[in-house]
Protein backbone atom coordinates (compact mmCIF):
# COMPACT_ATOMS: atom_id res chain seq x y z
CA MET A 1 117.75 87.28 106.29
CA ASP A 2 120.45 89.88 106.04
CA ALA A 3 119.65 92.94 103.73
CA LYS A 4 121.92 96.47 103.61
CA VAL A 5 121.48 99.61 101.90
CA LEU A 6 124.68 101.62 100.22
CA TRP A 7 124.66 105.05 100.28
CA HIS A 8 126.16 106.78 97.25
CA GLN A 9 125.20 110.43 97.25
CA GLY A 10 121.77 112.77 97.49
CA LEU A 11 119.08 110.10 98.23
CA THR A 12 120.58 107.43 95.99
CA PHE A 13 121.45 103.77 97.30
CA THR A 14 122.35 100.34 96.17
CA GLY A 15 120.24 97.71 98.14
CA THR A 16 121.46 93.86 98.29
CA ALA A 17 120.71 90.94 100.44
CA ASP A 18 120.99 87.34 101.13
CA SER A 19 120.69 86.68 97.54
CA GLY A 20 123.79 88.72 96.26
CA PHE A 21 121.08 90.85 93.78
CA GLU A 22 121.45 94.43 93.79
CA ILE A 23 118.77 97.28 93.37
CA SER A 24 118.85 100.82 92.63
CA LEU A 25 116.51 103.03 95.32
CA GLY A 26 116.45 106.83 94.96
CA ALA A 27 113.61 109.35 95.88
CA ASP A 28 111.66 111.93 94.02
CA PRO A 29 113.56 115.40 92.83
CA ALA A 30 110.57 116.82 94.77
CA VAL A 31 112.39 115.55 97.89
CA GLY A 32 115.48 115.95 96.96
CA GLY A 33 116.29 112.69 95.20
CA ALA A 34 117.50 112.37 91.36
CA ASN A 35 114.85 110.27 90.50
CA ASP A 36 117.19 107.28 89.45
CA GLY A 37 115.81 104.05 91.38
CA PHE A 38 112.96 102.34 93.05
CA ARG A 39 111.23 104.08 96.55
CA PRO A 40 111.18 101.45 98.97
CA MET A 41 107.24 101.95 99.57
CA GLU A 42 107.44 100.41 95.91
CA LEU A 43 109.51 98.06 96.75
CA MET A 44 107.22 96.72 99.82
CA ALA A 45 103.99 96.74 96.97
CA LEU A 46 106.32 95.18 94.66
CA SER A 47 107.41 92.54 97.13
CA LEU A 48 103.62 91.56 97.79
CA ALA A 49 102.96 91.21 94.01
CA GLY A 50 105.81 88.89 93.61
CA CYS A 51 105.49 86.87 96.29
CA THR A 52 101.83 86.02 95.69
CA ALA A 53 102.49 85.82 92.16
CA MET A 54 105.46 83.12 92.62
CA ASP A 55 102.92 81.04 94.81
CA VAL A 56 99.68 81.05 92.61
CA ILE A 57 102.08 80.11 89.79
CA SER A 58 103.38 77.44 90.89
CA ILE A 59 100.27 75.82 92.42
CA MET A 60 98.31 76.47 89.39
CA ARG A 61 101.21 74.55 87.46
CA LYS A 62 101.14 71.71 90.13
CA LYS A 63 97.32 71.66 88.97
CA ARG A 64 98.12 71.30 85.35
CA GLN A 65 96.22 74.42 84.22
CA GLU A 66 97.48 75.46 80.68
CA VAL A 67 98.52 79.07 81.57
CA SER A 68 99.95 81.43 79.02
CA ALA A 69 100.27 84.74 80.65
CA PHE A 70 100.03 85.88 84.29
CA GLU A 71 100.44 88.99 85.78
CA VAL A 72 99.65 90.02 89.00
CA ARG A 73 98.72 94.22 90.38
CA VAL A 74 99.26 95.39 93.62
CA ARG A 75 97.42 99.04 94.23
CA ALA A 76 98.08 100.33 97.62
CA GLN A 77 96.24 103.31 99.47
CA ARG A 78 98.36 105.48 101.72
CA ALA A 79 98.11 107.48 104.41
CA ASP A 80 97.86 111.18 103.62
CA VAL A 81 100.22 112.20 106.87
CA HIS A 82 103.65 110.90 108.03
CA PRO A 83 104.69 108.07 107.76
CA LYS A 84 102.23 108.09 105.03
CA VAL A 85 102.00 104.03 105.75
CA PHE A 86 99.75 101.52 103.43
CA THR A 87 96.50 101.60 104.81
CA SER A 88 94.53 99.28 102.12
CA ALA A 89 95.41 97.15 98.87
CA VAL A 90 94.30 95.40 95.96
CA ILE A 91 95.86 92.68 94.63
CA GLU A 92 94.55 91.59 91.12
CA TYR A 93 95.20 88.41 89.53
CA GLU A 94 95.10 88.28 85.70
CA VAL A 95 95.15 84.85 84.15
CA THR A 96 94.56 83.79 80.21
CA GLY A 97 95.30 80.16 79.50
CA ARG A 98 93.58 77.60 77.83
CA GLY A 99 90.43 75.97 80.29
CA ILE A 100 91.22 77.50 83.01
CA GLN A 101 89.45 76.25 85.86
CA GLU A 102 88.00 78.96 88.11
CA ALA A 103 87.77 76.53 91.43
CA ALA A 104 92.00 75.79 90.86
CA LEU A 105 92.83 79.90 90.61
CA LEU A 106 90.59 80.47 93.87
CA ARG A 107 92.59 77.47 95.58
CA SER A 108 95.62 78.57 94.53
CA ILE A 109 94.86 82.12 95.63
CA GLU A 110 93.78 80.76 99.11
CA LEU A 111 96.89 78.89 99.77
CA SER A 112 98.78 81.60 98.76
CA ALA A 113 97.15 83.89 101.11
CA GLN A 114 96.31 81.88 104.11
CA ALA A 115 99.58 79.71 104.15
CA TYR A 116 102.30 80.65 102.09
CA CYS A 117 103.21 84.02 101.01
CA PRO A 118 104.96 85.88 104.14
CA ALA A 119 104.77 89.49 102.69
CA GLN A 120 100.78 88.83 102.70
CA GLY A 121 100.67 87.32 105.93
CA MET A 122 102.36 90.16 107.23
CA LEU A 123 100.40 92.86 105.52
CA ALA A 124 97.47 91.43 106.17
CA LYS A 125 97.78 91.73 109.79
CA VAL A 126 97.75 95.52 109.89
CA MET A 127 95.84 96.42 106.39
CA PRO A 128 92.55 94.99 104.55
CA LEU A 129 93.37 93.50 101.12
CA LYS A 130 91.21 92.87 98.60
CA LEU A 131 91.85 89.61 96.29
CA GLU A 132 90.29 89.89 92.62
CA TYR A 133 90.85 88.03 89.55
CA GLN A 134 90.04 87.44 86.15
CA ILE A 135 90.57 84.39 83.69
CA TYR A 136 90.63 84.95 80.28
CA GLU A 137 91.13 82.29 77.57
CA GLY A 138 93.38 83.02 75.18
CA ASP A 139 97.04 82.36 73.99
CA SER A 140 98.66 85.54 75.04
CA SER A 141 97.61 88.61 76.95
CA GLU A 142 96.51 90.47 73.36
CA ASN A 143 94.66 87.67 71.93
CA ARG A 144 92.06 86.49 74.59
CA GLU A 145 87.96 86.88 75.80
CA LEU A 146 87.31 87.44 79.48
CA VAL A 147 86.04 84.29 80.70
CA THR A 148 85.06 85.27 84.42
CA ARG A 149 86.19 87.87 87.25
CA GLY A 150 85.64 87.83 90.76
CA GLU A 151 86.68 88.28 94.45
CA TRP A 152 88.80 85.77 96.57
CA THR A 153 87.31 86.27 100.53
CA GLU A 154 88.56 84.38 103.34
CA GLY A 155 85.81 81.19 104.14
CA ALA A 156 83.87 81.72 100.90
């Protein structure tokens, strides 16, 4: 995989990769940026969320789960001193649908964590990841009721 960034001015860049899509990168005005794009570390968190989300929804669909809404959030903690790396993260899976089976969701999360998501596999080698989930019964993220919540842990 190849990726590159093209500098425009100040701390404004455009990033591209093999897929051909473009994304704007920028920085906070406090460090000389123009607040005109994603921060690089935001993209790392977004990559983690997107990678595992694609795995989990794909597996849930193969398991014929009736998912009507799905969201994955990543809350990453960072070191206080430079280079301000991620020190830990919580990945939250929020699934809404009809009759979602907790075992199916747990297996989907497990497969993503242990076999399919390279972002998760890579980051798990350098920091702790906590994987939490909520299952809601309903037809949308606005019209639903919490059924269960929990945490996936390796070997459980």
